[in-house]
N, C-alpha and C. Protein backbone atom coordinates (compact mmCIF):
# COMPACT_ATOMS: atom_id res chain seq x y z
N MET A 1 0.83 -1.17 0.00
CA MET A 1 0.00 0.00 0.00
C MET A 1 0.89 1.25 0.00
N ALA A 2 0.58 2.15 -0.91
CA ALA A 2 1.37 3.38 -1.02
C ALA A 2 1.06 4.31 0.14
N ARG A 3 2.05 5.08 0.54
CA ARG A 3 1.83 6.07 1.60
C ARG A 3 1.09 7.28 1.08
N PHE A 4 1.16 7.49 -0.23
CA PHE A 4 0.49 8.62 -0.87
C PHE A 4 -0.46 8.08 -1.93
N ASP A 5 -1.58 8.74 -2.08
CA ASP A 5 -2.50 8.36 -3.14
C ASP A 5 -2.04 8.98 -4.45
N GLY A 6 -2.20 8.22 -5.52
CA GLY A 6 -1.92 8.75 -6.85
C GLY A 6 -3.07 9.64 -7.30
N ILE A 7 -2.88 10.26 -8.43
CA ILE A 7 -3.93 11.13 -8.95
C ILE A 7 -5.12 10.29 -9.41
N ASP A 8 -6.26 10.92 -9.48
CA ASP A 8 -7.44 10.29 -10.05
C ASP A 8 -7.28 10.39 -11.57
N PRO A 9 -7.24 9.27 -12.27
CA PRO A 9 -7.04 9.33 -13.73
C PRO A 9 -8.06 10.20 -14.46
N ALA A 10 -9.25 10.34 -13.88
CA ALA A 10 -10.28 11.17 -14.51
C ALA A 10 -9.90 12.64 -14.52
N THR A 11 -8.97 13.05 -13.66
CA THR A 11 -8.56 14.46 -13.60
C THR A 11 -7.31 14.73 -14.41
N ALA A 12 -6.69 13.68 -14.94
CA ALA A 12 -5.45 13.85 -15.71
C ALA A 12 -5.74 14.54 -17.04
N THR A 13 -4.74 15.26 -17.53
CA THR A 13 -4.88 15.94 -18.81
C THR A 13 -3.66 15.66 -19.68
N GLY A 14 -3.79 15.97 -20.94
CA GLY A 14 -2.68 15.92 -21.88
C GLY A 14 -2.00 14.57 -21.97
N GLU A 15 -0.68 14.62 -22.00
CA GLU A 15 0.16 13.43 -22.18
C GLU A 15 -0.07 12.41 -21.05
N ILE A 16 -0.23 12.90 -19.84
CA ILE A 16 -0.43 12.01 -18.70
C ILE A 16 -1.73 11.24 -18.87
N ALA A 17 -2.79 11.93 -19.25
CA ALA A 17 -4.09 11.28 -19.46
C ALA A 17 -3.98 10.22 -20.56
N ALA A 18 -3.27 10.54 -21.64
CA ALA A 18 -3.13 9.59 -22.74
C ALA A 18 -2.39 8.33 -22.30
N ILE A 19 -1.35 8.49 -21.51
CA ILE A 19 -0.58 7.33 -21.03
C ILE A 19 -1.41 6.50 -20.07
N LEU A 20 -2.14 7.14 -19.17
CA LEU A 20 -2.98 6.40 -18.23
C LEU A 20 -4.10 5.66 -18.96
N ARG A 21 -4.66 6.27 -20.01
CA ARG A 21 -5.69 5.58 -20.81
C ARG A 21 -5.11 4.37 -21.52
N ALA A 22 -3.89 4.52 -22.06
CA ALA A 22 -3.25 3.40 -22.75
C ALA A 22 -2.97 2.26 -21.77
N GLN A 23 -2.56 2.59 -20.56
CA GLN A 23 -2.33 1.56 -19.56
C GLN A 23 -3.63 0.86 -19.19
N THR A 24 -4.71 1.63 -19.08
CA THR A 24 -6.01 1.04 -18.76
C THR A 24 -6.44 0.10 -19.88
N ALA A 25 -6.22 0.50 -21.11
CA ALA A 25 -6.60 -0.37 -22.24
C ALA A 25 -5.78 -1.66 -22.24
N ARG A 26 -4.52 -1.56 -21.86
CA ARG A 26 -3.65 -2.74 -21.91
C ARG A 26 -3.78 -3.64 -20.68
N TRP A 27 -3.85 -3.02 -19.48
CA TRP A 27 -3.82 -3.81 -18.25
C TRP A 27 -5.10 -3.73 -17.41
N GLY A 28 -6.07 -2.97 -17.87
CA GLY A 28 -7.33 -2.87 -17.13
C GLY A 28 -7.39 -1.73 -16.13
N ALA A 29 -6.26 -1.11 -15.84
CA ALA A 29 -6.20 0.03 -14.93
C ALA A 29 -4.84 0.70 -15.10
N PRO A 30 -4.75 1.98 -14.77
CA PRO A 30 -3.43 2.63 -14.83
C PRO A 30 -2.50 2.01 -13.79
N LEU A 31 -1.23 1.98 -14.09
CA LEU A 31 -0.25 1.46 -13.14
C LEU A 31 -0.15 2.42 -11.96
N GLU A 32 -0.14 1.84 -10.76
CA GLU A 32 -0.13 2.68 -9.55
C GLU A 32 1.09 3.59 -9.48
N ASN A 33 2.26 3.07 -9.91
CA ASN A 33 3.44 3.94 -9.83
C ASN A 33 3.29 5.15 -10.74
N HIS A 34 2.65 5.00 -11.89
CA HIS A 34 2.45 6.13 -12.78
C HIS A 34 1.44 7.13 -12.19
N ARG A 35 0.44 6.63 -11.48
CA ARG A 35 -0.50 7.53 -10.81
C ARG A 35 0.23 8.36 -9.76
N LEU A 36 1.20 7.74 -9.08
CA LEU A 36 1.99 8.50 -8.09
C LEU A 36 2.91 9.50 -8.77
N TYR A 37 3.63 9.07 -9.82
CA TYR A 37 4.51 9.99 -10.55
C TYR A 37 3.73 11.18 -11.09
N ALA A 38 2.48 10.95 -11.48
CA ALA A 38 1.67 12.01 -12.09
C ALA A 38 1.33 13.13 -11.12
N ARG A 39 1.56 12.91 -9.83
CA ARG A 39 1.37 14.01 -8.87
C ARG A 39 2.31 15.16 -9.19
N ARG A 40 3.44 14.84 -9.81
CA ARG A 40 4.42 15.86 -10.23
C ARG A 40 4.73 15.60 -11.70
N PRO A 41 4.11 16.36 -12.60
CA PRO A 41 4.29 16.12 -14.03
C PRO A 41 5.74 16.10 -14.50
N THR A 42 6.61 16.90 -13.91
CA THR A 42 8.01 16.88 -14.34
C THR A 42 8.66 15.54 -14.00
N VAL A 43 8.31 14.98 -12.84
CA VAL A 43 8.82 13.66 -12.46
C VAL A 43 8.24 12.61 -13.40
N PHE A 44 6.96 12.71 -13.67
CA PHE A 44 6.29 11.77 -14.59
C PHE A 44 7.00 11.75 -15.94
N ARG A 45 7.25 12.93 -16.50
CA ARG A 45 7.92 12.99 -17.81
C ARG A 45 9.33 12.41 -17.74
N GLY A 46 10.04 12.64 -16.64
CA GLY A 46 11.39 12.09 -16.49
C GLY A 46 11.38 10.57 -16.43
N VAL A 47 10.47 10.02 -15.67
CA VAL A 47 10.37 8.55 -15.56
C VAL A 47 9.99 7.95 -16.90
N ARG A 48 9.02 8.55 -17.56
CA ARG A 48 8.61 8.05 -18.88
C ARG A 48 9.77 8.14 -19.87
N ALA A 49 10.56 9.21 -19.79
CA ALA A 49 11.71 9.35 -20.68
C ALA A 49 12.72 8.24 -20.43
N MET A 50 12.91 7.87 -19.17
CA MET A 50 13.83 6.77 -18.85
C MET A 50 13.35 5.46 -19.49
N TRP A 51 12.06 5.13 -19.30
CA TRP A 51 11.54 3.88 -19.87
C TRP A 51 11.56 3.91 -21.39
N THR A 52 11.25 5.06 -21.97
CA THR A 52 11.29 5.19 -23.43
C THR A 52 12.71 4.99 -23.93
N GLY A 53 13.68 5.57 -23.24
CA GLY A 53 15.08 5.41 -23.61
C GLY A 53 15.54 3.97 -23.51
N LEU A 54 15.16 3.30 -22.43
CA LEU A 54 15.53 1.89 -22.29
C LEU A 54 14.91 1.04 -23.40
N ASP A 55 13.64 1.31 -23.71
CA ASP A 55 12.98 0.57 -24.79
C ASP A 55 13.67 0.82 -26.13
N ALA A 56 14.01 2.08 -26.39
CA ALA A 56 14.61 2.44 -27.68
C ALA A 56 16.05 1.96 -27.81
N SER A 57 16.73 1.76 -26.68
CA SER A 57 18.15 1.37 -26.74
C SER A 57 18.35 -0.02 -27.30
N GLY A 58 17.36 -0.88 -27.12
CA GLY A 58 17.49 -2.25 -27.58
C GLY A 58 18.45 -3.08 -26.73
N LEU A 59 18.89 -2.53 -25.60
CA LEU A 59 19.84 -3.25 -24.74
C LEU A 59 19.19 -4.43 -24.02
N LEU A 60 17.91 -4.32 -23.76
CA LEU A 60 17.20 -5.39 -23.06
C LEU A 60 16.08 -5.93 -23.94
N GLU A 61 16.02 -7.23 -24.06
CA GLU A 61 14.94 -7.86 -24.82
C GLU A 61 13.64 -7.77 -24.02
N PRO A 62 12.49 -7.64 -24.68
CA PRO A 62 11.22 -7.52 -23.96
C PRO A 62 10.96 -8.61 -22.91
N PRO A 63 11.29 -9.89 -23.18
CA PRO A 63 11.06 -10.88 -22.11
C PRO A 63 11.90 -10.61 -20.85
N LEU A 64 13.12 -10.11 -21.05
CA LEU A 64 13.95 -9.79 -19.90
C LEU A 64 13.40 -8.60 -19.14
N VAL A 65 12.90 -7.62 -19.85
CA VAL A 65 12.29 -6.45 -19.21
C VAL A 65 11.12 -6.90 -18.34
N ALA A 66 10.29 -7.80 -18.87
CA ALA A 66 9.15 -8.31 -18.11
C ALA A 66 9.62 -9.02 -16.84
N LEU A 67 10.66 -9.83 -16.95
CA LEU A 67 11.19 -10.52 -15.77
C LEU A 67 11.76 -9.53 -14.74
N LEU A 68 12.46 -8.53 -15.23
CA LEU A 68 13.02 -7.52 -14.32
C LEU A 68 11.92 -6.74 -13.61
N ASN A 69 10.89 -6.37 -14.36
CA ASN A 69 9.77 -5.65 -13.75
C ASN A 69 9.11 -6.49 -12.66
N ARG A 70 8.93 -7.76 -12.93
CA ARG A 70 8.32 -8.64 -11.94
C ARG A 70 9.21 -8.75 -10.70
N ARG A 71 10.51 -8.90 -10.91
CA ARG A 71 11.43 -9.03 -9.78
C ARG A 71 11.44 -7.77 -8.91
N VAL A 72 11.47 -6.61 -9.55
CA VAL A 72 11.44 -5.35 -8.80
C VAL A 72 10.11 -5.23 -8.04
N ALA A 73 9.02 -5.62 -8.68
CA ALA A 73 7.72 -5.58 -8.00
C ALA A 73 7.73 -6.47 -6.78
N ILE A 74 8.28 -7.67 -6.90
CA ILE A 74 8.35 -8.60 -5.76
C ILE A 74 9.18 -7.99 -4.64
N LEU A 75 10.33 -7.41 -4.99
CA LEU A 75 11.20 -6.82 -3.97
C LEU A 75 10.50 -5.66 -3.24
N ASN A 76 9.58 -4.99 -3.93
CA ASN A 76 8.86 -3.86 -3.35
C ASN A 76 7.52 -4.25 -2.76
N ASN A 77 7.28 -5.57 -2.65
CA ASN A 77 5.99 -6.07 -2.15
C ASN A 77 4.81 -5.52 -2.93
N CYS A 78 4.99 -5.42 -4.23
CA CYS A 78 3.97 -4.90 -5.12
C CYS A 78 3.31 -6.05 -5.86
N GLU A 79 1.99 -6.05 -5.90
CA GLU A 79 1.29 -7.06 -6.68
C GLU A 79 1.34 -6.64 -8.14
N PHE A 80 2.13 -7.31 -8.91
CA PHE A 80 2.29 -6.96 -10.32
C PHE A 80 1.55 -7.97 -11.15
């Protein structure tokens, strides 16, 4: 359980709203970490830039990224 509540996706605008909608379409709900990052749009854009850069670099294959995400979620006691 997060110590802070994320934003309500219904109040999101612009790029943040588009990303949260895409996450809802793909996973059924926006990712909680993105709802938290969205409390500060500059932080949100920075985090998204990091993930976009990692995806574009081609350094990690998609199956490995999925495994890493799951492992980090487990370490953080996050239901992924």
